[in-house]
PDB file of all heavy atoms in Angstrom:
ATOM      1  N   THR A   1      -9.972  -9.357   5.585  1.00  0.00           N
ATOM      2  CA  THR A   1     -10.533  -9.629   6.897  1.00  0.00           C
ATOM      3  C   THR A   1      -9.473  -9.554   7.972  1.00  0.00           C
ATOM      4  O   THR A   1      -9.647  -8.934   9.018  1.00  0.00           O
ATOM      5  CB  THR A   1     -11.211 -11.016   6.905  1.00  0.00           C
ATOM      6  OG1 THR A   1     -12.232 -11.020   5.910  1.00  0.00           O
ATOM      7  CG2 THR A   1     -11.810 -11.319   8.251  1.00  0.00           C
ATOM      8  N   SER A   2      -8.330 -10.229   7.720  1.00  0.00           N
ATOM      9  CA  SER A   2      -7.266 -10.224   8.720  1.00  0.00           C
ATOM     10  C   SER A   2      -6.724  -8.835   8.920  1.00  0.00           C
ATOM     11  O   SER A   2      -6.366  -8.439  10.028  1.00  0.00           O
ATOM     12  CB  SER A   2      -6.135 -11.181   8.295  1.00  0.00           C
ATOM     13  OG  SER A   2      -5.561 -10.764   7.077  1.00  0.00           O
ATOM     14  N   SER A   3      -6.668  -8.036   7.842  1.00  0.00           N
ATOM     15  CA  SER A   3      -6.157  -6.667   7.969  1.00  0.00           C
ATOM     16  C   SER A   3      -7.098  -5.812   8.797  1.00  0.00           C
ATOM     17  O   SER A   3      -6.681  -5.026   9.645  1.00  0.00           O
ATOM     18  CB  SER A   3      -5.947  -6.064   6.575  1.00  0.00           C
ATOM     19  OG  SER A   3      -5.537  -4.737   6.679  1.00  0.00           O
ATOM     20  N   SER A   4      -8.413  -5.970   8.547  1.00  0.00           N
ATOM     21  CA  SER A   4      -9.373  -5.137   9.255  1.00  0.00           C
ATOM     22  C   SER A   4      -9.429  -5.477  10.733  1.00  0.00           C
ATOM     23  O   SER A   4      -9.751  -4.617  11.549  1.00  0.00           O
ATOM     24  CB  SER A   4     -10.753  -5.281   8.608  1.00  0.00           C
ATOM     25  OG  SER A   4     -11.241  -6.589   8.754  1.00  0.00           O
ATOM     26  N   ARG A   5      -9.127  -6.722  11.094  1.00  0.00           N
ATOM     27  CA  ARG A   5      -9.185  -7.130  12.486  1.00  0.00           C
ATOM     28  C   ARG A   5      -7.872  -6.912  13.214  1.00  0.00           C
ATOM     29  O   ARG A   5      -7.799  -7.102  14.418  1.00  0.00           O
ATOM     30  CB  ARG A   5      -9.576  -8.609  12.570  1.00  0.00           C
ATOM     31  CG  ARG A   5     -11.001  -8.882  12.081  1.00  0.00           C
ATOM     32  CD  ARG A   5     -11.296 -10.373  12.124  1.00  0.00           C
ATOM     33  NE  ARG A   5     -12.654 -10.656  11.677  1.00  0.00           N
ATOM     34  CZ  ARG A   5     -13.132 -11.881  11.494  1.00  0.00           C
ATOM     35  NH1 ARG A   5     -12.369 -12.947  11.715  1.00  0.00           N
ATOM     36  NH2 ARG A   5     -14.372 -12.047  11.082  1.00  0.00           N
ATOM     37  N   ALA A   6      -6.811  -6.541  12.491  1.00  0.00           N
ATOM     38  CA  ALA A   6      -5.514  -6.369  13.122  1.00  0.00           C
ATOM     39  C   ALA A   6      -5.556  -5.190  14.082  1.00  0.00           C
ATOM     40  O   ALA A   6      -6.249  -4.205  13.873  1.00  0.00           O
ATOM     41  CB  ALA A   6      -4.440  -6.145  12.057  1.00  0.00           C
ATOM     42  N   SER A   7      -4.773  -5.293  15.167  1.00  0.00           N
ATOM     43  CA  SER A   7      -4.705  -4.220  16.142  1.00  0.00           C
ATOM     44  C   SER A   7      -4.039  -3.001  15.529  1.00  0.00           C
ATOM     45  O   SER A   7      -3.075  -3.139  14.767  1.00  0.00           O
ATOM     46  CB  SER A   7      -3.912  -4.698  17.362  1.00  0.00           C
ATOM     47  OG  SER A   7      -3.565  -3.608  18.188  1.00  0.00           O
ATOM     48  N   PRO A   8      -4.511  -1.794  15.857  1.00  0.00           N
ATOM     49  CA  PRO A   8      -3.832  -0.597  15.357  1.00  0.00           C
ATOM     50  C   PRO A   8      -2.374  -0.514  15.809  1.00  0.00           C
ATOM     51  O   PRO A   8      -1.571   0.172  15.190  1.00  0.00           O
ATOM     52  CB  PRO A   8      -4.664   0.549  15.945  1.00  0.00           C
ATOM     53  CG  PRO A   8      -5.992  -0.048  16.247  1.00  0.00           C
ATOM     54  CD  PRO A   8      -5.728  -1.473  16.611  1.00  0.00           C
ATOM     55  N   LEU A   9      -2.047  -1.206  16.907  1.00  0.00           N
ATOM     56  CA  LEU A   9      -0.676  -1.181  17.429  1.00  0.00           C
ATOM     57  C   LEU A   9       0.147  -2.381  16.975  1.00  0.00           C
ATOM     58  O   LEU A   9       1.280  -2.555  17.427  1.00  0.00           O
ATOM     59  CB  LEU A   9      -0.713  -1.132  18.963  1.00  0.00           C
ATOM     60  CG  LEU A   9      -1.470   0.047  19.590  1.00  0.00           C
ATOM     61  CD1 LEU A   9      -1.424  -0.050  21.113  1.00  0.00           C
ATOM     62  CD2 LEU A   9      -0.879   1.376  19.135  1.00  0.00           C
ATOM     63  N   ALA A  10      -0.402  -3.184  16.070  1.00  0.00           N
ATOM     64  CA  ALA A  10       0.295  -4.396  15.629  1.00  0.00           C
ATOM     65  C   ALA A  10       1.694  -4.130  15.076  1.00  0.00           C
ATOM     66  O   ALA A  10       2.613  -4.924  15.319  1.00  0.00           O
ATOM     67  CB  ALA A  10      -0.558  -5.133  14.591  1.00  0.00           C
ATOM     68  N   PRO A  11       1.932  -3.052  14.332  1.00  0.00           N
ATOM     69  CA  PRO A  11       3.291  -2.836  13.814  1.00  0.00           C
ATOM     70  C   PRO A  11       4.356  -2.721  14.891  1.00  0.00           C
ATOM     71  O   PRO A  11       5.539  -2.973  14.628  1.00  0.00           O
ATOM     72  CB  PRO A  11       3.159  -1.519  13.030  1.00  0.00           C
ATOM     73  CG  PRO A  11       1.724  -1.481  12.604  1.00  0.00           C
ATOM     74  CD  PRO A  11       0.973  -2.087  13.754  1.00  0.00           C
ATOM     75  N   PHE A  12       3.972  -2.341  16.113  1.00  0.00           N
ATOM     76  CA  PHE A  12       4.964  -2.226  17.180  1.00  0.00           C
ATOM     77  C   PHE A  12       5.526  -3.588  17.604  1.00  0.00           C
ATOM     78  O   PHE A  12       6.501  -3.650  18.355  1.00  0.00           O
ATOM     79  CB  PHE A  12       4.366  -1.516  18.395  1.00  0.00           C
ATOM     80  CG  PHE A  12       4.253  -0.020  18.229  1.00  0.00           C
ATOM     81  CD1 PHE A  12       3.144   0.656  18.712  1.00  0.00           C
ATOM     82  CD2 PHE A  12       5.246   0.698  17.584  1.00  0.00           C
ATOM     83  CE1 PHE A  12       3.035   2.030  18.560  1.00  0.00           C
ATOM     84  CE2 PHE A  12       5.145   2.072  17.426  1.00  0.00           C
ATOM     85  CZ  PHE A  12       4.041   2.735  17.918  1.00  0.00           C
ATOM     86  N   ARG A  13       4.898  -4.666  17.136  1.00  0.00           N
ATOM     87  CA  ARG A  13       5.473  -5.993  17.422  1.00  0.00           C
ATOM     88  C   ARG A  13       6.801  -6.194  16.698  1.00  0.00           C
ATOM     89  O   ARG A  13       7.580  -7.073  17.075  1.00  0.00           O
ATOM     90  CB  ARG A  13       4.492  -7.088  16.992  1.00  0.00           C
ATOM     91  CG  ARG A  13       3.199  -7.133  17.787  1.00  0.00           C
ATOM     92  CD  ARG A  13       2.494  -8.467  17.552  1.00  0.00           C
ATOM     93  NE  ARG A  13       2.201  -8.660  16.142  1.00  0.00           N
ATOM     94  CZ  ARG A  13       0.996  -8.456  15.590  1.00  0.00           C
ATOM     95  NH1 ARG A  13       0.010  -8.015  16.344  1.00  0.00           N
ATOM     96  NH2 ARG A  13       0.795  -8.679  14.312  1.00  0.00           N
ATOM     97  N   HIS A  14       7.043  -5.402  15.675  1.00  0.00           N
ATOM     98  CA  HIS A  14       8.251  -5.558  14.863  1.00  0.00           C
ATOM     99  C   HIS A  14       9.322  -4.610  15.394  1.00  0.00           C
ATOM    100  O   HIS A  14       9.163  -3.387  15.389  1.00  0.00           O
ATOM    101  CB  HIS A  14       7.923  -5.283  13.398  1.00  0.00           C
ATOM    102  CG  HIS A  14       6.766  -6.099  12.899  1.00  0.00           C
ATOM    103  ND1 HIS A  14       6.874  -7.439  12.583  1.00  0.00           N
ATOM    104  CD2 HIS A  14       5.457  -5.769  12.695  1.00  0.00           C
ATOM    105  CE1 HIS A  14       5.695  -7.900  12.194  1.00  0.00           C
ATOM    106  NE2 HIS A  14       4.822  -6.906  12.250  1.00  0.00           N
ATOM    107  N   LYS A  15      10.427  -5.171  15.847  1.00  0.00           N
ATOM    108  CA  LYS A  15      11.451  -4.430  16.582  1.00  0.00           C
ATOM    109  C   LYS A  15      11.996  -3.255  15.793  1.00  0.00           C
ATOM    110  O   LYS A  15      12.156  -2.152  16.321  1.00  0.00           O
ATOM    111  CB  LYS A  15      12.585  -5.389  16.972  1.00  0.00           C
ATOM    112  CG  LYS A  15      13.709  -4.729  17.760  1.00  0.00           C
ATOM    113  CD  LYS A  15      14.780  -5.747  18.127  1.00  0.00           C
ATOM    114  CE  LYS A  15      15.922  -5.090  18.891  1.00  0.00           C
ATOM    115  NZ  LYS A  15      16.981  -6.085  19.230  1.00  0.00           N
ATOM    116  N   VAL A  16      12.292  -3.461  14.518  1.00  0.00           N
ATOM    117  CA  VAL A  16      12.890  -2.392  13.714  1.00  0.00           C
ATOM    118  C   VAL A  16      11.915  -1.232  13.566  1.00  0.00           C
ATOM    119  O   VAL A  16      12.286  -0.066  13.744  1.00  0.00           O
ATOM    120  CB  VAL A  16      13.309  -2.931  12.331  1.00  0.00           C
ATOM    121  CG1 VAL A  16      13.755  -1.790  11.432  1.00  0.00           C
ATOM    122  CG2 VAL A  16      14.437  -3.936  12.477  1.00  0.00           C
ATOM    123  N   PHE A  17      10.667  -1.540  13.243  1.00  0.00           N
ATOM    124  CA  PHE A  17       9.679  -0.466  13.104  1.00  0.00           C
ATOM    125  C   PHE A  17       9.547   0.303  14.405  1.00  0.00           C
ATOM    126  O   PHE A  17       9.491   1.542  14.410  1.00  0.00           O
ATOM    127  CB  PHE A  17       8.321  -1.039  12.691  1.00  0.00           C
ATOM    128  CG  PHE A  17       7.239   0.012  12.595  1.00  0.00           C
ATOM    129  CD1 PHE A  17       7.116   0.777  11.447  1.00  0.00           C
ATOM    130  CD2 PHE A  17       6.371   0.244  13.650  1.00  0.00           C
ATOM    131  CE1 PHE A  17       6.133   1.766  11.354  1.00  0.00           C
ATOM    132  CE2 PHE A  17       5.386   1.223  13.572  1.00  0.00           C
ATOM    133  CZ  PHE A  17       5.267   1.987  12.418  1.00  0.00           C
ATOM    134  N   ARG A  18       9.508  -0.425  15.509  1.00  0.00           N
ATOM    135  CA  ARG A  18       9.364   0.234  16.815  1.00  0.00           C
ATOM    136  C   ARG A  18      10.537   1.174  17.097  1.00  0.00           C
ATOM    137  O   ARG A  18      10.351   2.318  17.537  1.00  0.00           O
ATOM    138  CB  ARG A  18       9.258  -0.832  17.905  1.00  0.00           C
ATOM    139  CG  ARG A  18       8.987  -0.272  19.296  1.00  0.00           C
ATOM    140  CD  ARG A  18       8.687  -1.380  20.287  1.00  0.00           C
ATOM    141  NE  ARG A  18       9.841  -2.255  20.493  1.00  0.00           N
ATOM    142  CZ  ARG A  18       9.895  -3.523  20.111  1.00  0.00           C
ATOM    143  NH1 ARG A  18       8.859  -4.078  19.475  1.00  0.00           N
ATOM    144  NH2 ARG A  18      10.970  -4.258  20.364  1.00  0.00           N
ATOM    145  N   ALA A  19      11.764   0.708  16.825  1.00  0.00           N
ATOM    146  CA  ALA A  19      12.953   1.533  17.092  1.00  0.00           C
ATOM    147  C   ALA A  19      12.978   2.770  16.195  1.00  0.00           C
ATOM    148  O   ALA A  19      13.250   3.886  16.655  1.00  0.00           O
ATOM    149  CB  ALA A  19      14.212   0.702  16.888  1.00  0.00           C
ATOM    150  N   VAL A  20      12.700   2.578  14.904  1.00  0.00           N
ATOM    151  CA  VAL A  20      12.715   3.719  13.982  1.00  0.00           C
ATOM    152  C   VAL A  20      11.587   4.683  14.318  1.00  0.00           C
ATOM    153  O   VAL A  20      11.761   5.912  14.244  1.00  0.00           O
ATOM    154  CB  VAL A  20      12.612   3.229  12.523  1.00  0.00           C
ATOM    155  CG1 VAL A  20      12.477   4.405  11.565  1.00  0.00           C
ATOM    156  CG2 VAL A  20      13.837   2.404  12.153  1.00  0.00           C
ATOM    157  N   TRP A  21      10.425   4.166  14.711  1.00  0.00           N
ATOM    158  CA  TRP A  21       9.291   5.032  15.055  1.00  0.00           C
ATOM    159  C   TRP A  21       9.637   5.919  16.247  1.00  0.00           C
ATOM    160  O   TRP A  21       9.366   7.133  16.234  1.00  0.00           O
ATOM    161  CB  TRP A  21       8.068   4.182  15.365  1.00  0.00           C
ATOM    162  CG  TRP A  21       6.801   4.975  15.543  1.00  0.00           C
ATOM    163  CD1 TRP A  21       5.916   5.325  14.575  1.00  0.00           C
ATOM    164  CD2 TRP A  21       6.289   5.520  16.767  1.00  0.00           C
ATOM    165  NE1 TRP A  21       4.880   6.048  15.120  1.00  0.00           N
ATOM    166  CE2 TRP A  21       5.081   6.185  16.452  1.00  0.00           C
ATOM    167  CE3 TRP A  21       6.734   5.503  18.085  1.00  0.00           C
ATOM    168  CZ2 TRP A  21       4.322   6.826  17.426  1.00  0.00           C
ATOM    169  CZ3 TRP A  21       5.980   6.156  19.058  1.00  0.00           C
ATOM    170  CH2 TRP A  21       4.785   6.798  18.721  1.00  0.00           C
ATOM    171  N   ILE A  22      10.232   5.334  17.282  1.00  0.00           N
ATOM    172  CA  ILE A  22      10.589   6.120  18.475  1.00  0.00           C
ATOM    173  C   ILE A  22      11.637   7.174  18.134  1.00  0.00           C
ATOM    174  O   ILE A  22      11.538   8.341  18.532  1.00  0.00           O
ATOM    175  CB  ILE A  22      11.099   5.185  19.597  1.00  0.00           C
ATOM    176  CG1 ILE A  22       9.952   4.300  20.101  1.00  0.00           C
ATOM    177  CG2 ILE A  22      11.674   5.998  20.759  1.00  0.00           C
ATOM    178  CD1 ILE A  22      10.391   3.208  21.054  1.00  0.00           C
ATOM    179  N   ALA A  23      12.676   6.765  17.370  1.00  0.00           N
ATOM    180  CA  ALA A  23      13.714   7.725  16.981  1.00  0.00           C
ATOM    181  C   ALA A  23      13.146   8.818  16.090  1.00  0.00           C
ATOM    182  O   ALA A  23      13.519   9.993  16.202  1.00  0.00           O
ATOM    183  CB  ALA A  23      14.854   6.991  16.276  1.00  0.00           C
ATOM    184  N   SER A  24      12.229   8.453  15.188  1.00  0.00           N
ATOM    185  CA  SER A  24      11.602   9.448  14.318  1.00  0.00           C
ATOM    186  C   SER A  24      10.730  10.407  15.117  1.00  0.00           C
ATOM    187  O   SER A  24      10.628  11.595  14.779  1.00  0.00           O
ATOM    188  CB  SER A  24      10.765   8.756  13.237  1.00  0.00           C
ATOM    189  OG  SER A  24      11.571   7.992  12.377  1.00  0.00           O
ATOM    190  N   LEU A  25      10.096   9.907  16.174  1.00  0.00           N
ATOM    191  CA  LEU A  25       9.289  10.774  17.026  1.00  0.00           C
ATOM    192  C   LEU A  25      10.157  11.881  17.627  1.00  0.00           C
ATOM    193  O   LEU A  25       9.777  13.064  17.611  1.00  0.00           O
ATOM    194  CB  LEU A  25       8.628   9.948  18.133  1.00  0.00           C
ATOM    195  CG  LEU A  25       7.776  10.716  19.145  1.00  0.00           C
ATOM    196  CD1 LEU A  25       6.584  11.385  18.454  1.00  0.00           C
ATOM    197  CD2 LEU A  25       7.289   9.788  20.260  1.00  0.00           C
ATOM    198  N   ALA A  26      11.352  11.502  18.128  1.00  0.00           N
ATOM    199  CA  ALA A  26      12.261  12.510  18.674  1.00  0.00           C
ATOM    200  C   ALA A  26      12.704  13.487  17.595  1.00  0.00           C
ATOM    201  O   ALA A  26      12.771  14.707  17.817  1.00  0.00           O
ATOM    202  CB  ALA A  26      13.475  11.824  19.304  1.00  0.00           C
ATOM    203  N   SER A  27      13.003  12.961  16.395  1.00  0.00           N
ATOM    204  CA  SER A  27      13.415  13.831  15.294  1.00  0.00           C
ATOM    205  C   SER A  27      12.285  14.761  14.868  1.00  0.00           C
ATOM    206  O   SER A  27      12.519  15.931  14.527  1.00  0.00           O
ATOM    207  CB  SER A  27      13.875  12.973  14.113  1.00  0.00           C
ATOM    208  OG  SER A  27      14.330  13.776  13.048  1.00  0.00           O
ATOM    209  N   ASN A  28      11.046  14.257  14.885  1.00  0.00           N
ATOM    210  CA  ASN A  28       9.904  15.108  14.547  1.00  0.00           C
ATOM    211  C   ASN A  28       9.742  16.247  15.549  1.00  0.00           C
ATOM    212  O   ASN A  28       9.410  17.377  15.168  1.00  0.00           O
ATOM    213  CB  ASN A  28       8.622  14.275  14.494  1.00  0.00           C
ATOM    214  CG  ASN A  28       8.563  13.372  13.278  1.00  0.00           C
ATOM    215  OD1 ASN A  28       9.168  13.663  12.249  1.00  0.00           O
ATOM    216  ND2 ASN A  28       7.844  12.269  13.394  1.00  0.00           N
ATOM    217  N   PHE A  29       9.958  15.937  16.823  1.00  0.00           N
ATOM    218  CA  PHE A  29       9.920  16.997  17.830  1.00  0.00           C
ATOM    219  C   PHE A  29      10.920  18.090  17.476  1.00  0.00           C
ATOM    220  O   PHE A  29      10.608  19.282  17.479  1.00  0.00           O
ATOM    221  CB  PHE A  29      10.248  16.436  19.221  1.00  0.00           C
ATOM    222  CG  PHE A  29       9.041  16.021  20.005  1.00  0.00           C
ATOM    223  CD1 PHE A  29       8.707  14.696  20.157  1.00  0.00           C
ATOM    224  CD2 PHE A  29       8.230  16.974  20.611  1.00  0.00           C
ATOM    225  CE1 PHE A  29       7.602  14.305  20.884  1.00  0.00           C
ATOM    226  CE2 PHE A  29       7.121  16.601  21.343  1.00  0.00           C
ATOM    227  CZ  PHE A  29       6.799  15.265  21.488  1.00  0.00           C
ATOM    228  N   GLY A  30      12.162  17.662  17.161  1.00  0.00           N
ATOM    229  CA  GLY A  30      13.187  18.639  16.825  1.00  0.00           C
ATOM    230  C   GLY A  30      12.847  19.439  15.591  1.00  0.00           C
ATOM    231  O   GLY A  30      13.051  20.660  15.548  1.00  0.00           O
ATOM    232  N   GLY A  31      12.312  18.766  14.557  1.00  0.00           N
ATOM    233  CA  GLY A  31      11.971  19.471  13.332  1.00  0.00           C
ATOM    234  C   GLY A  31      10.898  20.516  13.535  1.00  0.00           C
ATOM    235  O   GLY A  31      10.964  21.623  12.971  1.00  0.00           O
TER     236      GLY A  31
END
């Protein structure tokens, strides 16, 4: 229940995930 109600953007609350996601986005562009 808690998983289904969680926001799709909830992982961005976690600093490390957010930083790696942004850096990976730039790397994906390059790739």
